[in-house]
Structures are given as C-alpha cells and as structure tokens.
C-alpha cells in the first residue's frame, strides 16, 4: 500500500523560510506526477506546485517565485521549499501523487497532511 508522509512543518515568522518533505514508500515517484496542495479551514484545496511526469514544474500564482518543489528520485522524497512565507501561507499542506498529471484535489494518492503556521 502506498504510504506518503509529510514532515518538517511547524511555526515560522513572516518573511522566513521552511522546508517540508514527503517520504514515499511502496511507490515509485519516477512514474507519476507529484505535487503539493494546501488547505485553509473553510476554503477549498489549492494546488500550489508540482513536478509533472516529464519533469516540468508548475506553480500557482500565489506561491510563484517563493516556493520550490523538488524531487529526489533516489530517496523517493518530495520537497517543498518555502521562502519569504506570509501569514496567508498558513494552512495544512499535503503531498500527493497521480499518474494522470500534476496532482489536483482529485489526486489518486495523498499524504496525511502537515500544518504550517506563519506568524506576522
């Protein structure tokens, strides 16, 4: 069974940086697109960035230029480097994988989520 687990979340000050990671077991990340989504309570899931099957990356406008998604295909770990974080980045962050393309809210496989809180 595919297992995806995020780690590295927590509290960070506005303007700071944080890196969260997603370890994947029983799954080969080289064959699927992977990415990160986040959810603020009361709001829909937002896809924020991902790596497609061909290796191309995409980012939501809300994080473009500040966040970077990277994939270690040897260790089977997905990373999200968050720089210049802002209070509006406070959310639960989820990693996901999908053979159809960069994961959206209907992604096939999900992590359990991790909280990131940005204080002003």
N, C-alpha and C. Protein backbone atom coordinates (compact mmCIF):
# COMPACT_ATOMS: atom_id res chain seq x y z
N UNK A 1 0.85 -1.18 0.00
CA UNK A 1 0.00 0.00 0.00
C UNK A 1 0.89 1.24 0.00
N UNK A 2 0.50 2.19 -0.84
CA UNK A 2 1.27 3.43 -0.93
C UNK A 2 1.16 4.18 0.38
N UNK A 3 2.30 4.66 0.83
CA UNK A 3 2.32 5.49 2.02
C UNK A 3 3.08 6.76 1.71
N UNK A 4 2.45 7.87 2.01
CA UNK A 4 3.07 9.17 1.82
C UNK A 4 2.94 9.92 3.14
N UNK A 5 4.06 10.43 3.65
CA UNK A 5 4.04 11.08 4.95
C UNK A 5 4.86 12.35 4.92
N UNK A 6 4.22 13.45 5.30
CA UNK A 6 4.89 14.74 5.34
C UNK A 6 5.60 14.93 6.68
N UNK A 7 6.64 15.72 6.66
CA UNK A 7 7.30 16.12 7.90
C UNK A 7 7.97 17.47 7.70
N UNK A 8 8.31 18.11 8.81
CA UNK A 8 9.02 19.38 8.75
C UNK A 8 8.16 20.61 8.91
N UNK A 9 6.88 20.42 9.14
CA UNK A 9 6.02 21.58 9.33
C UNK A 9 6.23 22.22 10.68
N UNK A 10 5.46 23.26 10.94
CA UNK A 10 5.57 23.95 12.22
C UNK A 10 5.32 25.42 12.07
N UNK A 11 5.85 26.18 13.01
CA UNK A 11 5.65 27.63 13.02
C UNK A 11 6.86 28.35 12.47
N UNK A 12 6.60 29.43 11.75
CA UNK A 12 7.68 30.22 11.16
C UNK A 12 7.23 31.67 11.13
N UNK A 13 8.17 32.59 11.26
CA UNK A 13 7.84 34.01 11.21
C UNK A 13 7.69 34.48 9.78
N UNK A 14 6.87 35.47 9.60
CA UNK A 14 6.68 36.07 8.28
C UNK A 14 8.02 36.52 7.71
N UNK A 15 8.23 36.19 6.43
CA UNK A 15 9.49 36.51 5.78
C UNK A 15 10.53 35.42 5.90
N UNK A 16 10.26 34.44 6.72
CA UNK A 16 11.20 33.35 6.94
C UNK A 16 11.06 32.24 5.92
N UNK A 17 11.78 31.14 6.17
CA UNK A 17 11.78 30.01 5.26
C UNK A 17 11.52 28.72 6.02
N UNK A 18 11.00 27.76 5.29
CA UNK A 18 10.71 26.46 5.86
C UNK A 18 10.74 25.45 4.73
N UNK A 19 11.26 24.27 5.02
CA UNK A 19 11.21 23.19 4.04
C UNK A 19 10.45 22.02 4.62
N UNK A 20 9.46 21.57 3.90
CA UNK A 20 8.74 20.37 4.30
C UNK A 20 9.03 19.28 3.28
N UNK A 21 8.96 18.06 3.74
CA UNK A 21 9.27 16.94 2.88
C UNK A 21 8.18 15.88 2.95
N UNK A 22 8.19 15.02 1.98
CA UNK A 22 7.20 13.95 1.89
C UNK A 22 7.93 12.66 1.53
N UNK A 23 7.97 11.77 2.46
CA UNK A 23 8.59 10.47 2.22
C UNK A 23 7.55 9.50 1.67
N UNK A 24 7.95 8.77 0.67
CA UNK A 24 7.01 7.88 0.00
C UNK A 24 7.55 6.46 0.05
N UNK A 25 6.71 5.53 0.43
CA UNK A 25 7.10 4.12 0.44
C UNK A 25 6.09 3.31 -0.37
N UNK A 26 6.53 2.17 -0.80
CA UNK A 26 5.70 1.26 -1.61
C UNK A 26 5.21 1.96 -2.87
N UNK A 27 6.05 2.81 -3.41
CA UNK A 27 5.62 3.61 -4.55
C UNK A 27 6.85 4.16 -5.24
N UNK A 28 6.82 4.22 -6.55
CA UNK A 28 7.94 4.74 -7.32
C UNK A 28 7.55 6.11 -7.87
N UNK A 29 8.13 7.15 -7.28
CA UNK A 29 7.78 8.50 -7.69
C UNK A 29 8.21 8.84 -9.11
N UNK A 30 9.05 8.03 -9.69
CA UNK A 30 9.52 8.32 -11.04
C UNK A 30 8.44 8.10 -12.09
N UNK A 31 7.40 7.39 -11.75
CA UNK A 31 6.41 7.05 -12.76
C UNK A 31 5.19 7.96 -12.74
N UNK A 32 5.05 8.77 -11.70
CA UNK A 32 3.87 9.62 -11.57
C UNK A 32 4.26 11.09 -11.41
N UNK A 33 3.30 11.93 -11.66
CA UNK A 33 3.45 13.33 -11.32
C UNK A 33 3.21 13.49 -9.82
N UNK A 34 3.91 14.42 -9.22
CA UNK A 34 3.79 14.64 -7.77
C UNK A 34 3.65 16.12 -7.50
N UNK A 35 3.12 16.42 -6.34
CA UNK A 35 2.96 17.84 -6.05
C UNK A 35 2.47 18.08 -4.64
N UNK A 36 2.24 19.35 -4.37
CA UNK A 36 1.77 19.81 -3.06
C UNK A 36 0.47 20.59 -3.21
N UNK A 37 -0.41 20.37 -2.28
CA UNK A 37 -1.64 21.13 -2.16
C UNK A 37 -1.74 21.64 -0.73
N UNK A 38 -2.56 22.64 -0.53
CA UNK A 38 -2.76 23.14 0.82
C UNK A 38 -4.23 23.50 1.02
N UNK A 39 -4.61 23.54 2.29
CA UNK A 39 -5.99 23.88 2.61
C UNK A 39 -6.05 24.75 3.84
N UNK A 40 -6.72 25.86 3.69
CA UNK A 40 -7.04 26.74 4.80
C UNK A 40 -8.44 26.37 5.26
N UNK A 41 -8.68 26.27 6.57
CA UNK A 41 -10.02 25.92 7.04
C UNK A 41 -11.09 26.78 6.40
N UNK A 42 -12.12 26.11 5.88
CA UNK A 42 -13.22 26.84 5.27
C UNK A 42 -13.01 27.19 3.81
N UNK A 43 -11.84 26.86 3.28
CA UNK A 43 -11.55 27.14 1.89
C UNK A 43 -11.23 25.85 1.15
N UNK A 44 -11.39 25.83 -0.18
CA UNK A 44 -11.10 24.60 -0.93
C UNK A 44 -9.61 24.31 -1.01
N UNK A 45 -9.31 23.09 -1.31
CA UNK A 45 -7.92 22.70 -1.53
C UNK A 45 -7.33 23.52 -2.68
N UNK A 46 -6.09 23.92 -2.49
CA UNK A 46 -5.39 24.69 -3.52
C UNK A 46 -4.13 23.95 -3.94
N UNK A 47 -4.03 23.61 -5.21
CA UNK A 47 -2.78 23.07 -5.72
C UNK A 47 -1.77 24.18 -5.83
N UNK A 48 -0.60 24.00 -5.23
CA UNK A 48 0.36 25.09 -5.22
C UNK A 48 1.60 24.83 -6.05
N UNK A 49 1.89 23.56 -6.33
CA UNK A 49 3.05 23.30 -7.16
C UNK A 49 3.28 21.83 -7.34
N UNK A 50 3.95 21.49 -8.43
CA UNK A 50 4.20 20.09 -8.67
C UNK A 50 5.21 19.84 -9.76
N UNK A 51 5.59 18.58 -9.87
CA UNK A 51 6.50 18.12 -10.92
C UNK A 51 5.75 17.13 -11.78
N UNK A 52 5.65 17.43 -13.06
CA UNK A 52 4.91 16.55 -13.95
C UNK A 52 5.77 15.35 -14.34
N UNK A 53 5.16 14.41 -15.03
CA UNK A 53 5.84 13.17 -15.39
C UNK A 53 7.07 13.44 -16.26
N UNK A 54 7.02 14.50 -17.08
CA UNK A 54 8.15 14.83 -17.93
C UNK A 54 9.21 15.67 -17.22
N UNK A 55 9.00 15.92 -15.95
CA UNK A 55 9.97 16.68 -15.17
C UNK A 55 9.71 18.17 -15.12
N UNK A 56 8.76 18.66 -15.86
CA UNK A 56 8.44 20.08 -15.84
C UNK A 56 7.75 20.44 -14.52
N UNK A 57 7.94 21.68 -14.09
CA UNK A 57 7.34 22.12 -12.85
C UNK A 57 6.28 23.18 -13.11
N UNK A 58 5.34 23.27 -12.21
CA UNK A 58 4.31 24.29 -12.30
C UNK A 58 4.02 24.82 -10.91
N UNK A 59 3.61 26.08 -10.84
CA UNK A 59 3.32 26.70 -9.56
C UNK A 59 2.09 27.58 -9.68
N UNK A 60 1.35 27.63 -8.58
CA UNK A 60 0.25 28.57 -8.51
C UNK A 60 0.80 29.98 -8.41
N UNK A 61 0.04 30.93 -8.90
CA UNK A 61 0.49 32.33 -8.86
C UNK A 61 0.75 32.79 -7.43
N UNK A 62 0.00 32.22 -6.48
CA UNK A 62 0.11 32.66 -5.09
C UNK A 62 1.47 32.33 -4.48
N UNK A 63 2.20 31.37 -5.06
CA UNK A 63 3.49 30.98 -4.49
C UNK A 63 4.64 31.10 -5.47
N UNK A 64 4.35 31.44 -6.69
CA UNK A 64 5.38 31.51 -7.73
C UNK A 64 6.49 32.49 -7.33
N UNK A 65 7.72 32.05 -7.46
CA UNK A 65 8.85 32.88 -7.09
C UNK A 65 9.24 32.75 -5.63
N UNK A 66 8.40 32.13 -4.82
CA UNK A 66 8.71 31.98 -3.39
C UNK A 66 8.87 30.50 -3.00
N UNK A 67 8.10 29.63 -3.61
CA UNK A 67 8.12 28.21 -3.27
C UNK A 67 8.77 27.42 -4.40
N UNK A 68 9.46 26.33 -4.01
CA UNK A 68 10.08 25.45 -4.99
C UNK A 68 9.78 24.00 -4.64
N UNK A 69 9.31 23.26 -5.64
CA UNK A 69 9.07 21.83 -5.48
C UNK A 69 10.24 21.08 -6.10
N UNK A 70 10.76 20.10 -5.39
CA UNK A 70 11.84 19.29 -5.94
C UNK A 70 11.62 17.83 -5.55
N UNK A 71 12.24 16.97 -6.31
CA UNK A 71 12.02 15.54 -6.14
C UNK A 71 13.35 14.81 -6.13
N UNK A 72 13.59 14.04 -5.08
CA UNK A 72 14.76 13.16 -5.02
C UNK A 72 14.28 11.77 -5.41
N UNK A 73 14.57 11.40 -6.65
CA UNK A 73 14.04 10.15 -7.16
C UNK A 73 14.75 8.94 -6.59
N UNK A 74 15.94 9.12 -6.07
CA UNK A 74 16.68 8.01 -5.48
C UNK A 74 16.12 7.70 -4.09
N UNK A 75 15.93 8.77 -3.29
CA UNK A 75 15.43 8.57 -1.93
C UNK A 75 13.91 8.49 -1.89
N UNK A 76 13.26 8.80 -3.02
CA UNK A 76 11.80 8.79 -3.06
C UNK A 76 11.21 9.81 -2.08
N UNK A 77 11.76 11.01 -2.12
CA UNK A 77 11.29 12.09 -1.24
C UNK A 77 10.95 13.30 -2.08
N UNK A 78 9.83 13.91 -1.78
CA UNK A 78 9.37 15.14 -2.41
C UNK A 78 9.54 16.28 -1.41
N UNK A 79 10.05 17.41 -1.89
CA UNK A 79 10.29 18.55 -1.02
C UNK A 79 9.47 19.76 -1.45
N UNK A 80 9.19 20.61 -0.49
CA UNK A 80 8.61 21.92 -0.77
C UNK A 80 9.43 22.94 0.03
N UNK A 81 10.22 23.71 -0.68
CA UNK A 81 10.99 24.79 -0.06
C UNK A 81 10.16 26.06 -0.11
N UNK A 82 9.89 26.62 1.05
CA UNK A 82 9.05 27.81 1.13
C UNK A 82 9.90 28.97 1.63
N UNK A 83 10.03 29.98 0.82
CA UNK A 83 10.80 31.17 1.19
C UNK A 83 9.87 32.37 1.26
N UNK A 84 10.29 33.35 2.05
CA UNK A 84 9.51 34.58 2.20
C UNK A 84 8.04 34.25 2.49
N UNK A 85 7.84 33.38 3.46
CA UNK A 85 6.46 32.97 3.78
C UNK A 85 5.69 34.15 4.36
N UNK A 86 4.39 34.10 4.17
CA UNK A 86 3.49 35.15 4.62
C UNK A 86 2.36 34.53 5.44
N UNK A 87 1.69 35.32 6.26
CA UNK A 87 0.60 34.76 7.08
C UNK A 87 -0.46 34.02 6.25
N UNK A 88 -0.68 34.44 5.03
CA UNK A 88 -1.67 33.76 4.19
C UNK A 88 -1.20 32.40 3.71
N UNK A 89 0.04 32.05 3.97
CA UNK A 89 0.54 30.71 3.66
C UNK A 89 0.20 29.71 4.78
N UNK A 90 -0.36 30.19 5.86
CA UNK A 90 -0.79 29.30 6.94
C UNK A 90 -1.86 28.35 6.43
N UNK A 91 -1.58 27.05 6.55
CA UNK A 91 -2.50 26.06 6.01
C UNK A 91 -2.02 24.67 6.40
N UNK A 92 -2.86 23.69 6.10
CA UNK A 92 -2.44 22.29 6.13
C UNK A 92 -1.90 21.96 4.74
N UNK A 93 -0.70 21.40 4.70
CA UNK A 93 -0.05 21.08 3.42
C UNK A 93 -0.07 19.57 3.21
N UNK A 94 -0.40 19.18 1.99
CA UNK A 94 -0.49 17.78 1.62
C UNK A 94 0.38 17.49 0.41
N UNK A 95 1.10 16.38 0.45
CA UNK A 95 1.75 15.91 -0.76
C UNK A 95 0.81 14.92 -1.44
N UNK A 96 0.96 14.80 -2.74
CA UNK A 96 0.08 13.91 -3.50
C UNK A 96 0.80 13.43 -4.75
N UNK A 97 0.31 12.32 -5.28
CA UNK A 97 0.87 11.76 -6.50
C UNK A 97 -0.27 11.28 -7.39
N UNK A 98 -0.05 11.38 -8.69
CA UNK A 98 -1.11 11.00 -9.62
C UNK A 98 -0.49 10.64 -10.97
N UNK A 99 -0.88 9.50 -11.53
CA UNK A 99 -0.33 9.11 -12.83
C UNK A 99 -0.86 9.94 -13.99
N UNK A 100 -1.91 10.74 -13.75
CA UNK A 100 -2.55 11.49 -14.83
C UNK A 100 -1.94 12.87 -15.04
N UNK A 101 -1.16 13.32 -14.07
CA UNK A 101 -0.57 14.65 -14.20
C UNK A 101 -0.40 15.28 -12.83
N UNK A 102 0.04 16.54 -12.82
CA UNK A 102 0.28 17.22 -11.55
C UNK A 102 -0.97 17.13 -10.68
N UNK A 103 -0.82 16.67 -9.45
CA UNK A 103 -1.98 16.38 -8.61
C UNK A 103 -2.86 17.59 -8.33
N UNK A 104 -4.15 17.34 -8.44
CA UNK A 104 -5.14 18.32 -8.03
C UNK A 104 -5.96 17.74 -6.91
N UNK A 105 -7.08 18.36 -6.59
CA UNK A 105 -7.92 17.88 -5.48
C UNK A 105 -8.42 16.45 -5.64
N UNK A 106 -8.38 15.92 -6.85
CA UNK A 106 -8.84 14.54 -7.07
C UNK A 106 -7.68 13.57 -7.24
N UNK A 107 -6.52 13.92 -6.71
CA UNK A 107 -5.33 13.07 -6.85
C UNK A 107 -5.56 11.67 -6.31
N UNK A 108 -4.85 10.72 -6.87
CA UNK A 108 -5.04 9.32 -6.51
C UNK A 108 -4.44 8.97 -5.14
N UNK A 109 -3.31 9.54 -4.81
CA UNK A 109 -2.62 9.17 -3.57
C UNK A 109 -2.24 10.43 -2.80
N UNK A 110 -2.41 10.35 -1.47
CA UNK A 110 -2.25 11.51 -0.61
C UNK A 110 -1.42 11.20 0.62
N UNK A 111 -0.73 12.23 1.09
CA UNK A 111 -0.17 12.18 2.42
C UNK A 111 -1.24 12.56 3.42
N UNK A 112 -0.87 12.48 4.69
CA UNK A 112 -1.84 12.75 5.75
C UNK A 112 -1.94 14.23 6.08
N UNK A 113 -0.99 15.02 5.62
CA UNK A 113 -1.04 16.46 5.83
C UNK A 113 -0.19 16.90 7.00
N UNK A 114 0.26 18.15 6.91
CA UNK A 114 1.07 18.72 7.97
C UNK A 114 0.76 20.21 8.06
N UNK A 115 0.78 20.72 9.28
CA UNK A 115 0.41 22.12 9.49
C UNK A 115 1.62 23.04 9.37
N UNK A 116 1.39 24.16 8.73
CA UNK A 116 2.38 25.24 8.69
C UNK A 116 1.68 26.51 9.16
N UNK A 117 2.27 27.16 10.14
CA UNK A 117 1.69 28.38 10.69
C UNK A 117 2.70 29.50 10.56
N UNK A 118 2.26 30.58 9.92
CA UNK A 118 3.14 31.73 9.72
C UNK A 118 2.62 32.88 10.56
N UNK A 119 3.46 33.38 11.43
CA UNK A 119 3.07 34.49 12.30
C UNK A 119 3.66 35.79 11.76
N UNK A 120 2.91 36.85 11.97
CA UNK A 120 3.35 38.17 11.46
C UNK A 120 4.25 38.87 12.46
